[in-house]
Amino acid sequence: MITAGFAVAGSTEIGDYCTFAGQVGIAPHVKIGSNSVFAAKSGVTKSLEGGKVYAGFPAREIKEHNKREAQLHDISRVNQKLDELLQAKEKG
């Protein structure tokens, strides 16, 4: 299944029964295994095995993608808290 905004470069091999959500892009000369699913806005830069769900840029297994996104969110909260503490110290 292919949805809007899907782009695939030349010499790419795509297995059977793959699903590509909107705005997925695939770099040239990669192989996509059968039964793969790609979340919206994924960017495939290397060959990936089939039977898995991928997300992000570069595309990686969705569990790993979600874990990294959560870590980025945590870092942002830690930075905000650190700024608050530094401001309180300067006032204090």
PDB file of N, CA and C in Angstrom:
ATOM      1  N   MET A   1       0.854  -1.160   0.000  1.00  0.00           N
ATOM      2  CA  MET A   1       0.000   0.000   0.000  1.00  0.00           C
ATOM      3  C   MET A   1       0.905   1.229   0.000  1.00  0.00           C
ATOM      4  N   ILE A   2       0.579   2.190  -0.846  1.00  0.00           N
ATOM      5  CA  ILE A   2       1.332   3.425  -0.945  1.00  0.00           C
ATOM      6  C   ILE A   2       0.359   4.580  -0.781  1.00  0.00           C
ATOM      7  N   THR A   3       0.725   5.556   0.047  1.00  0.00           N
ATOM      8  CA  THR A   3      -0.132   6.725   0.244  1.00  0.00           C
ATOM      9  C   THR A   3       0.532   7.962  -0.348  1.00  0.00           C
ATOM     10  N   ALA A   4      -0.101   9.103  -0.187  1.00  0.00           N
ATOM     11  CA  ALA A   4       0.346  10.348  -0.812  1.00  0.00           C
ATOM     12  C   ALA A   4       1.763  10.738  -0.399  1.00  0.00           C
ATOM     13  N   GLY A   5       2.482  11.319  -1.336  1.00  0.00           N
ATOM     14  CA  GLY A   5       3.796  11.851  -1.052  1.00  0.00           C
ATOM     15  C   GLY A   5       4.888  10.811  -0.931  1.00  0.00           C
ATOM     16  N   PHE A   6       4.676   9.627  -1.409  1.00  0.00           N
ATOM     17  CA  PHE A   6       5.671   8.555  -1.361  1.00  0.00           C
ATOM     18  C   PHE A   6       6.677   8.761  -2.486  1.00  0.00           C
ATOM     19  N   ALA A   7       7.967   8.661  -2.168  1.00  0.00           N
ATOM     20  CA  ALA A   7       9.009   8.814  -3.185  1.00  0.00           C
ATOM     21  C   ALA A   7      10.017   7.685  -3.049  1.00  0.00           C
ATOM     22  N   VAL A   8      10.345   7.077  -4.175  1.00  0.00           N
ATOM     23  CA  VAL A   8      11.314   5.989  -4.171  1.00  0.00           C
ATOM     24  C   VAL A   8      12.338   6.252  -5.268  1.00  0.00           C
ATOM     25  N   ALA A   9      13.612   6.115  -4.909  1.00  0.00           N
ATOM     26  CA  ALA A   9      14.685   6.358  -5.867  1.00  0.00           C
ATOM     27  C   ALA A   9      14.954   5.103  -6.691  1.00  0.00           C
ATOM     28  N   GLY A  10      15.739   5.284  -7.720  1.00  0.00           N
ATOM     29  CA  GLY A  10      16.034   4.183  -8.639  1.00  0.00           C
ATOM     30  C   GLY A  10      16.811   3.048  -8.012  1.00  0.00           C
ATOM     31  N   SER A  11      16.708   1.909  -8.630  1.00  0.00           N
ATOM     32  CA  SER A  11      17.405   0.682  -8.230  1.00  0.00           C
ATOM     33  C   SER A  11      17.036   0.199  -6.839  1.00  0.00           C
ATOM     34  N   THR A  12      15.876   0.593  -6.350  1.00  0.00           N
ATOM     35  CA  THR A  12      15.412   0.135  -5.047  1.00  0.00           C
ATOM     36  C   THR A  12      14.570  -1.117  -5.232  1.00  0.00           C
ATOM     37  N   GLU A  13      14.771  -2.088  -4.365  1.00  0.00           N
ATOM     38  CA  GLU A  13      13.983  -3.317  -4.403  1.00  0.00           C
ATOM     39  C   GLU A  13      13.037  -3.320  -3.205  1.00  0.00           C
ATOM     40  N   ILE A  14      11.742  -3.457  -3.478  1.00  0.00           N
ATOM     41  CA  ILE A  14      10.730  -3.464  -2.424  1.00  0.00           C
ATOM     42  C   ILE A  14      10.057  -4.831  -2.414  1.00  0.00           C
ATOM     43  N   GLY A  15      10.038  -5.469  -1.229  1.00  0.00           N
ATOM     44  CA  GLY A  15       9.424  -6.775  -1.090  1.00  0.00           C
ATOM     45  C   GLY A  15       7.904  -6.703  -1.203  1.00  0.00           C
ATOM     46  N   ASP A  16       7.271  -7.832  -1.084  1.00  0.00           N
ATOM     47  CA  ASP A  16       5.810  -7.937  -1.187  1.00  0.00           C
ATOM     48  C   ASP A  16       5.132  -7.422   0.085  1.00  0.00           C
ATOM     49  N   TYR A  17       3.926  -6.905  -0.092  1.00  0.00           N
ATOM     50  CA  TYR A  17       3.027  -6.522   1.005  1.00  0.00           C
ATOM     51  C   TYR A  17       3.617  -5.478   1.964  1.00  0.00           C
ATOM     52  N   CYS A  18       4.282  -4.489   1.434  1.00  0.00           N
ATOM     53  CA  CYS A  18       4.823  -3.398   2.243  1.00  0.00           C
ATOM     54  C   CYS A  18       3.813  -2.251   2.284  1.00  0.00           C
ATOM     55  N   THR A  19       3.856  -1.482   3.359  1.00  0.00           N
ATOM     56  CA  THR A  19       2.967  -0.335   3.528  1.00  0.00           C
ATOM     57  C   THR A  19       3.809   0.904   3.768  1.00  0.00           C
ATOM     58  N   PHE A  20       3.521   1.958   2.990  1.00  0.00           N
ATOM     59  CA  PHE A  20       4.253   3.217   3.095  1.00  0.00           C
ATOM     60  C   PHE A  20       3.255   4.334   3.369  1.00  0.00           C
ATOM     61  N   ALA A  21       3.354   4.949   4.541  1.00  0.00           N
ATOM     62  CA  ALA A  21       2.470   6.063   4.891  1.00  0.00           C
ATOM     63  C   ALA A  21       2.924   7.326   4.154  1.00  0.00           C
ATOM     64  N   GLY A  22       2.208   8.417   4.355  1.00  0.00           N
ATOM     65  CA  GLY A  22       2.485   9.657   3.650  1.00  0.00           C
ATOM     66  C   GLY A  22       3.877  10.218   3.903  1.00  0.00           C
ATOM     67  N   GLN A  23       4.444  10.795   2.883  1.00  0.00           N
ATOM     68  CA  GLN A  23       5.738  11.468   2.898  1.00  0.00           C
ATOM     69  C   GLN A  23       6.902  10.557   3.277  1.00  0.00           C
ATOM     70  N   VAL A  24       6.827   9.304   2.891  1.00  0.00           N
ATOM     71  CA  VAL A  24       7.952   8.394   3.078  1.00  0.00           C
ATOM     72  C   VAL A  24       8.853   8.515   1.861  1.00  0.00           C
ATOM     73  N   GLY A  25      10.158   8.561   2.105  1.00  0.00           N
ATOM     74  CA  GLY A  25      11.124   8.621   1.023  1.00  0.00           C
ATOM     75  C   GLY A  25      12.139   7.508   1.156  1.00  0.00           C
ATOM     76  N   ILE A  26      12.542   6.961   0.007  1.00  0.00           N
ATOM     77  CA  ILE A  26      13.515   5.868   0.009  1.00  0.00           C
ATOM     78  C   ILE A  26      14.694   6.263  -0.867  1.00  0.00           C
ATOM     79  N   ALA A  27      15.909   6.149  -0.313  1.00  0.00           N
ATOM     80  CA  ALA A  27      17.141   6.466  -1.028  1.00  0.00           C
ATOM     81  C   ALA A  27      17.418   5.387  -2.084  1.00  0.00           C
ATOM     82  N   PRO A  28      18.295   5.684  -3.029  1.00  0.00           N
ATOM     83  CA  PRO A  28      18.595   4.715  -4.089  1.00  0.00           C
ATOM     84  C   PRO A  28      19.376   3.504  -3.591  1.00  0.00           C
ATOM     85  N   HIS A  29      19.232   2.407  -4.311  1.00  0.00           N
ATOM     86  CA  HIS A  29      20.022   1.185  -4.127  1.00  0.00           C
ATOM     87  C   HIS A  29      19.834   0.510  -2.776  1.00  0.00           C
ATOM     88  N   VAL A  30      18.622   0.553  -2.220  1.00  0.00           N
ATOM     89  CA  VAL A  30      18.359  -0.153  -0.968  1.00  0.00           C
ATOM     90  C   VAL A  30      17.347  -1.266  -1.218  1.00  0.00           C
ATOM     91  N   LYS A  31      17.306  -2.208  -0.292  1.00  0.00           N
ATOM     92  CA  LYS A  31      16.351  -3.317  -0.360  1.00  0.00           C
ATOM     93  C   LYS A  31      15.451  -3.255   0.853  1.00  0.00           C
ATOM     94  N   ILE A  32      14.154  -3.322   0.609  1.00  0.00           N
ATOM     95  CA  ILE A  32      13.144  -3.318   1.663  1.00  0.00           C
ATOM     96  C   ILE A  32      12.539  -4.714   1.723  1.00  0.00           C
ATOM     97  N   GLY A  33      12.602  -5.346   2.882  1.00  0.00           N
ATOM     98  CA  GLY A  33      12.052  -6.686   3.033  1.00  0.00           C
ATOM     99  C   GLY A  33      10.533  -6.696   2.998  1.00  0.00           C
ATOM    100  N   SER A  34       9.974  -7.831   2.665  1.00  0.00           N
ATOM    101  CA  SER A  34       8.518  -8.006   2.585  1.00  0.00           C
ATOM    102  C   SER A  34       7.848  -7.766   3.931  1.00  0.00           C
ATOM    103  N   ASN A  35       6.587  -7.350   3.873  1.00  0.00           N
ATOM    104  CA  ASN A  35       5.756  -7.133   5.058  1.00  0.00           C
ATOM    105  C   ASN A  35       6.287  -6.040   5.980  1.00  0.00           C
ATOM    106  N   SER A  36       6.972  -5.059   5.427  1.00  0.00           N
ATOM    107  CA  SER A  36       7.464  -3.920   6.208  1.00  0.00           C
ATOM    108  C   SER A  36       6.398  -2.834   6.224  1.00  0.00           C
ATOM    109  N   VAL A  37       6.373  -2.072   7.312  1.00  0.00           N
ATOM    110  CA  VAL A  37       5.456  -0.941   7.432  1.00  0.00           C
ATOM    111  C   VAL A  37       6.291   0.281   7.796  1.00  0.00           C
ATOM    112  N   PHE A  38       6.045   1.400   7.092  1.00  0.00           N
ATOM    113  CA  PHE A  38       6.780   2.631   7.333  1.00  0.00           C
ATOM    114  C   PHE A  38       5.816   3.728   7.741  1.00  0.00           C
ATOM    115  N   ALA A  39       6.054   4.304   8.920  1.00  0.00           N
ATOM    116  CA  ALA A  39       5.207   5.387   9.438  1.00  0.00           C
ATOM    117  C   ALA A  39       5.438   6.651   8.612  1.00  0.00           C
ATOM    118  N   ALA A  40       4.503   7.591   8.719  1.00  0.00           N
ATOM    119  CA  ALA A  40       4.579   8.839   7.972  1.00  0.00           C
ATOM    120  C   ALA A  40       5.892   9.571   8.233  1.00  0.00           C
ATOM    121  N   LYS A  41       6.400  10.203   7.198  1.00  0.00           N
ATOM    122  CA  LYS A  41       7.619  11.025   7.236  1.00  0.00           C
ATOM    123  C   LYS A  41       8.872  10.229   7.541  1.00  0.00           C
ATOM    124  N   SER A  42       8.870   8.929   7.246  1.00  0.00           N
ATOM    125  CA  SER A  42      10.066   8.113   7.431  1.00  0.00           C
ATOM    126  C   SER A  42      11.004   8.316   6.251  1.00  0.00           C
ATOM    127  N   GLY A  43      12.293   8.222   6.525  1.00  0.00           N
ATOM    128  CA  GLY A  43      13.296   8.321   5.476  1.00  0.00           C
ATOM    129  C   GLY A  43      14.181   7.090   5.491  1.00  0.00           C
ATOM    130  N   VAL A  44      14.096   6.288   4.452  1.00  0.00           N
ATOM    131  CA  VAL A  44      14.858   5.045   4.379  1.00  0.00           C
ATOM    132  C   VAL A  44      16.190   5.333   3.699  1.00  0.00           C
ATOM    133  N   THR A  45      17.277   5.158   4.431  1.00  0.00           N
ATOM    134  CA  THR A  45      18.601   5.469   3.908  1.00  0.00           C
ATOM    135  C   THR A  45      19.481   4.232   3.724  1.00  0.00           C
ATOM    136  N   LYS A  46      19.010   3.091   4.215  1.00  0.00           N
ATOM    137  CA  LYS A  46      19.767   1.843   4.074  1.00  0.00           C
ATOM    138  C   LYS A  46      18.789   0.683   3.953  1.00  0.00           C
ATOM    139  N   SER A  47      19.280  -0.454   3.548  1.00  0.00           N
ATOM    140  CA  SER A  47      18.439  -1.635   3.407  1.00  0.00           C
ATOM    141  C   SER A  47      17.903  -2.058   4.774  1.00  0.00           C
ATOM    142  N   LEU A  48      16.632  -2.494   4.784  1.00  0.00           N
ATOM    143  CA  LEU A  48      15.976  -2.898   6.023  1.00  0.00           C
ATOM    144  C   LEU A  48      15.295  -4.242   5.836  1.00  0.00           C
ATOM    145  N   GLU A  49      15.325  -5.052   6.878  1.00  0.00           N
ATOM    146  CA  GLU A  49      14.701  -6.367   6.794  1.00  0.00           C
ATOM    147  C   GLU A  49      13.188  -6.259   6.905  1.00  0.00           C
ATOM    148  N   GLY A  50      12.514  -7.268   6.429  1.00  0.00           N
ATOM    149  CA  GLY A  50      11.056  -7.267   6.399  1.00  0.00           C
ATOM    150  C   GLY A  50      10.422  -7.684   7.711  1.00  0.00           C
ATOM    151  N   GLY A  51       9.096  -7.552   7.737  1.00  0.00           N
ATOM    152  CA  GLY A  51       8.322  -7.991   8.884  1.00  0.00           C
ATOM    153  C   GLY A  51       8.391  -7.077  10.086  1.00  0.00           C
ATOM    154  N   LYS A  52       8.826  -5.837   9.896  1.00  0.00           N
ATOM    155  CA  LYS A  52       8.953  -4.906  11.015  1.00  0.00           C
ATOM    156  C   LYS A  52       8.280  -3.586  10.684  1.00  0.00           C
ATOM    157  N   VAL A  53       8.059  -2.783  11.737  1.00  0.00           N
ATOM    158  CA  VAL A  53       7.484  -1.448  11.583  1.00  0.00           C
ATOM    159  C   VAL A  53       8.608  -0.449  11.828  1.00  0.00           C
ATOM    160  N   TYR A  54       8.742   0.522  10.918  1.00  0.00           N
ATOM    161  CA  TYR A  54       9.813   1.506  10.985  1.00  0.00           C
ATOM    162  C   TYR A  54       9.236   2.920  11.055  1.00  0.00           C
ATOM    163  N   ALA A  55      10.038   3.847  11.619  1.00  0.00           N
ATOM    164  CA  ALA A  55       9.629   5.247  11.692  1.00  0.00           C
ATOM    165  C   ALA A  55      10.870   6.119  11.774  1.00  0.00           C
ATOM    166  N   GLY A  56      10.700   7.409  11.442  1.00  0.00           N
ATOM    167  CA  GLY A  56      11.740   8.403  11.636  1.00  0.00           C
ATOM    168  C   GLY A  56      12.689   8.562  10.480  1.00  0.00           C
ATOM    169  N   PHE A  57      13.637   9.481  10.695  1.00  0.00           N
ATOM    170  CA  PHE A  57      14.695   9.721   9.722  1.00  0.00           C
ATOM    171  C   PHE A  57      16.017   9.785  10.458  1.00  0.00           C
ATOM    172  N   PRO A  58      16.929   8.880  10.171  1.00  0.00           N
ATOM    173  CA  PRO A  58      16.742   7.756   9.271  1.00  0.00           C
ATOM    174  C   PRO A  58      15.789   6.721   9.876  1.00  0.00           C
ATOM    175  N   ALA A  59      15.131   5.983   9.020  1.00  0.00           N
ATOM    176  CA  ALA A  59      14.153   4.992   9.486  1.00  0.00           C
ATOM    177  C   ALA A  59      14.839   3.952  10.358  1.00  0.00           C
ATOM    178  N   ARG A  60      14.201   3.681  11.487  1.00  0.00           N
ATOM    179  CA  ARG A  60      14.670   2.622  12.392  1.00  0.00           C
ATOM    180  C   ARG A  60      13.424   1.963  12.969  1.00  0.00           C
ATOM    181  N   GLU A  61      13.610   0.834  13.616  1.00  0.00           N
ATOM    182  CA  GLU A  61      12.443   0.154  14.183  1.00  0.00           C
ATOM    183  C   GLU A  61      11.687   1.128  15.075  1.00  0.00           C
ATOM    184  N   ILE A  62      10.370   1.048  15.016  1.00  0.00           N
ATOM    185  CA  ILE A  62       9.541   2.062  15.669  1.00  0.00           C
ATOM    186  C   ILE A  62       9.754   2.107  17.182  1.00  0.00           C
ATOM    187  N   LYS A  63      10.051   0.981  17.817  1.00  0.00           N
ATOM    188  CA  LYS A  63      10.325   0.999  19.264  1.00  0.00           C
ATOM    189  C   LYS A  63      11.557   1.852  19.559  1.00  0.00           C
ATOM    190  N   GLU A  64      12.590   1.696  18.744  1.00  0.00           N
ATOM    191  CA  GLU A  64      13.808   2.487  18.920  1.00  0.00           C
ATOM    192  C   GLU A  64      13.531   3.962  18.631  1.00  0.00           C
ATOM    193  N   HIS A  65      12.766   4.237  17.593  1.00  0.00           N
ATOM    194  CA  HIS A  65      12.395   5.614  17.250  1.00  0.00           C
ATOM    195  C   HIS A  65      11.643   6.265  18.411  1.00  0.00           C
ATOM    196  N   ASN A  66      10.650   5.586  18.935  1.00  0.00           N
ATOM    197  CA  ASN A  66       9.861   6.142  20.044  1.00  0.00           C
ATOM    198  C   ASN A  66      10.711   6.345  21.298  1.00  0.00           C
ATOM    199  N   LYS A  67      11.625   5.422  21.556  1.00  0.00           N
ATOM    200  CA  LYS A  67      12.521   5.547  22.708  1.00  0.00           C
ATOM    201  C   LYS A  67      13.389   6.796  22.571  1.00  0.00           C
ATOM    202  N   ARG A  68      13.935   7.028  21.383  1.00  0.00           N
ATOM    203  CA  ARG A  68      14.770   8.212  21.156  1.00  0.00           C
ATOM    204  C   ARG A  68      13.962   9.497  21.290  1.00  0.00           C
ATOM    205  N   GLU A  69      12.745   9.501  20.782  1.00  0.00           N
ATOM    206  CA  GLU A  69      11.886  10.676  20.910  1.00  0.00           C
ATOM    207  C   GLU A  69      11.594  10.980  22.377  1.00  0.00           C
ATOM    208  N   ALA A  70      11.347   9.945  23.169  1.00  0.00           N
ATOM    209  CA  ALA A  70      11.093  10.133  24.601  1.00  0.00           C
ATOM    210  C   ALA A  70      12.333  10.678  25.306  1.00  0.00           C
ATOM    211  N   GLN A  71      13.511  10.190  24.930  1.00  0.00           N
ATOM    212  CA  GLN A  71      14.746  10.681  25.534  1.00  0.00           C
ATOM    213  C   GLN A  71      14.968  12.151  25.197  1.00  0.00           C
ATOM    214  N   LEU A  72      14.683  12.551  23.973  1.00  0.00           N
ATOM    215  CA  LEU A  72      14.808  13.961  23.600  1.00  0.00           C
ATOM    216  C   LEU A  72      13.870  14.831  24.426  1.00  0.00           C
ATOM    217  N   HIS A  73      12.669  14.334  24.642  1.00  0.00           N
ATOM    218  CA  HIS A  73      11.708  15.062  25.465  1.00  0.00           C
ATOM    219  C   HIS A  73      12.230  15.195  26.901  1.00  0.00           C
ATOM    220  N   ASP A  74      12.786  14.124  27.437  1.00  0.00           N
ATOM    221  CA  ASP A  74      13.338  14.152  28.798  1.00  0.00           C
ATOM    222  C   ASP A  74      14.497  15.141  28.902  1.00  0.00           C
ATOM    223  N   ILE A  75      15.362  15.163  27.910  1.00  0.00           N
ATOM    224  CA  ILE A  75      16.491  16.101  27.913  1.00  0.00           C
ATOM    225  C   ILE A  75      15.976  17.530  27.930  1.00  0.00           C
ATOM    226  N   SER A  76      14.940  17.783  27.159  1.00  0.00           N
ATOM    227  CA  SER A  76      14.351  19.114  27.117  1.00  0.00           C
ATOM    228  C   SER A  76      13.828  19.523  28.498  1.00  0.00           C
ATOM    229  N   ARG A  77      13.149  18.602  29.174  1.00  0.00           N
ATOM    230  CA  ARG A  77      12.641  18.907  30.522  1.00  0.00           C
ATOM    231  C   ARG A  77      13.768  19.130  31.511  1.00  0.00           C
ATOM    232  N   VAL A  78      14.843  18.362  31.411  1.00  0.00           N
ATOM    233  CA  VAL A  78      15.985  18.531  32.313  1.00  0.00           C
ATOM    234  C   VAL A  78      16.635  19.893  32.069  1.00  0.00           C
ATOM    235  N   ASN A  79      16.788  20.280  30.810  1.00  0.00           N
ATOM    236  CA  ASN A  79      17.361  21.590  30.498  1.00  0.00           C
ATOM    237  C   ASN A  79      16.500  22.718  31.047  1.00  0.00           C
ATOM    238  N   GLN A  80      15.202  22.583  30.927  1.00  0.00           N
ATOM    239  CA  GLN A  80      14.293  23.611  31.438  1.00  0.00           C
ATOM    240  C   GLN A  80      14.414  23.710  32.958  1.00  0.00           C
ATOM    241  N   LYS A  81      14.451  22.589  33.634  1.00  0.00           N
ATOM    242  CA  LYS A  81      14.591  22.581  35.090  1.00  0.00           C
ATOM    243  C   LYS A  81      15.929  23.182  35.516  1.00  0.00           C
ATOM    244  N   LEU A  82      16.990  22.858  34.779  1.00  0.00           N
ATOM    245  CA  LEU A  82      18.310  23.418  35.076  1.00  0.00           C
ATOM    246  C   LEU A  82      18.301  24.939  34.923  1.00  0.00           C
ATOM    247  N   ASP A  83      17.675  25.423  33.860  1.00  0.00           N
ATOM    248  CA  ASP A  83      17.552  26.876  33.674  1.00  0.00           C
ATOM    249  C   ASP A  83      16.814  27.520  34.838  1.00  0.00           C
ATOM    250  N   GLU A  84      15.727  26.901  35.289  1.00  0.00           N
ATOM    251  CA  GLU A  84      14.974  27.427  36.416  1.00  0.00           C
ATOM    252  C   GLU A  84      15.820  27.475  37.680  1.00  0.00           C
ATOM    253  N   LEU A  85      16.596  26.428  37.921  1.00  0.00           N
ATOM    254  CA  LEU A  85      17.461  26.382  39.106  1.00  0.00           C
ATOM    255  C   LEU A  85      18.547  27.445  39.038  1.00  0.00           C
ATOM    256  N   LEU A  86      19.141  27.623  37.849  1.00  0.00           N
ATOM    257  CA  LEU A  86      20.178  28.639  37.701  1.00  0.00           C
ATOM    258  C   LEU A  86      19.620  30.038  37.893  1.00  0.00           C
ATOM    259  N   GLN A  87      18.438  30.289  37.381  1.00  0.00           N
ATOM    260  CA  GLN A  87      17.803  31.591  37.558  1.00  0.00           C
ATOM    261  C   GLN A  87      17.485  31.838  39.028  1.00  0.00           C
ATOM    262  N   ALA A  88      17.009  30.825  39.728  1.00  0.00           N
ATOM    263  CA  ALA A  88      16.709  30.948  41.155  1.00  0.00           C
ATOM    264  C   ALA A  88      17.981  31.225  41.957  1.00  0.00           C
ATOM    265  N   LYS A  89      19.071  30.596  41.569  1.00  0.00           N
ATOM    266  CA  LYS A  89      20.339  30.795  42.259  1.00  0.00           C
ATOM    267  C   LYS A  89      20.843  32.217  42.046  1.00  0.00           C
ATOM    268  N   GLU A  90      20.682  32.746  40.832  1.00  0.00           N
ATOM    269  CA  GLU A  90      21.132  34.109  40.534  1.00  0.00           C
ATOM    270  C   GLU A  90      20.326  35.138  41.341  1.00  0.00           C
ATOM    271  N   LYS A  91      19.048  34.860  41.533  1.00  0.00           N
ATOM    272  CA  LYS A  91      18.194  35.776  42.299  1.00  0.00           C
ATOM    273  C   LYS A  91      18.466  35.701  43.791  1.00  0.00           C
ATOM    274  N   GLY A  92      18.859  34.478  44.229  1.00  0.00           N
ATOM    275  CA  GLY A  92      18.923  34.182  45.621  1.00  0.00           C
ATOM    276  C   GLY A  92      20.040  34.649  46.407  1.00  0.00           C
TER     277      GLY A  92
END
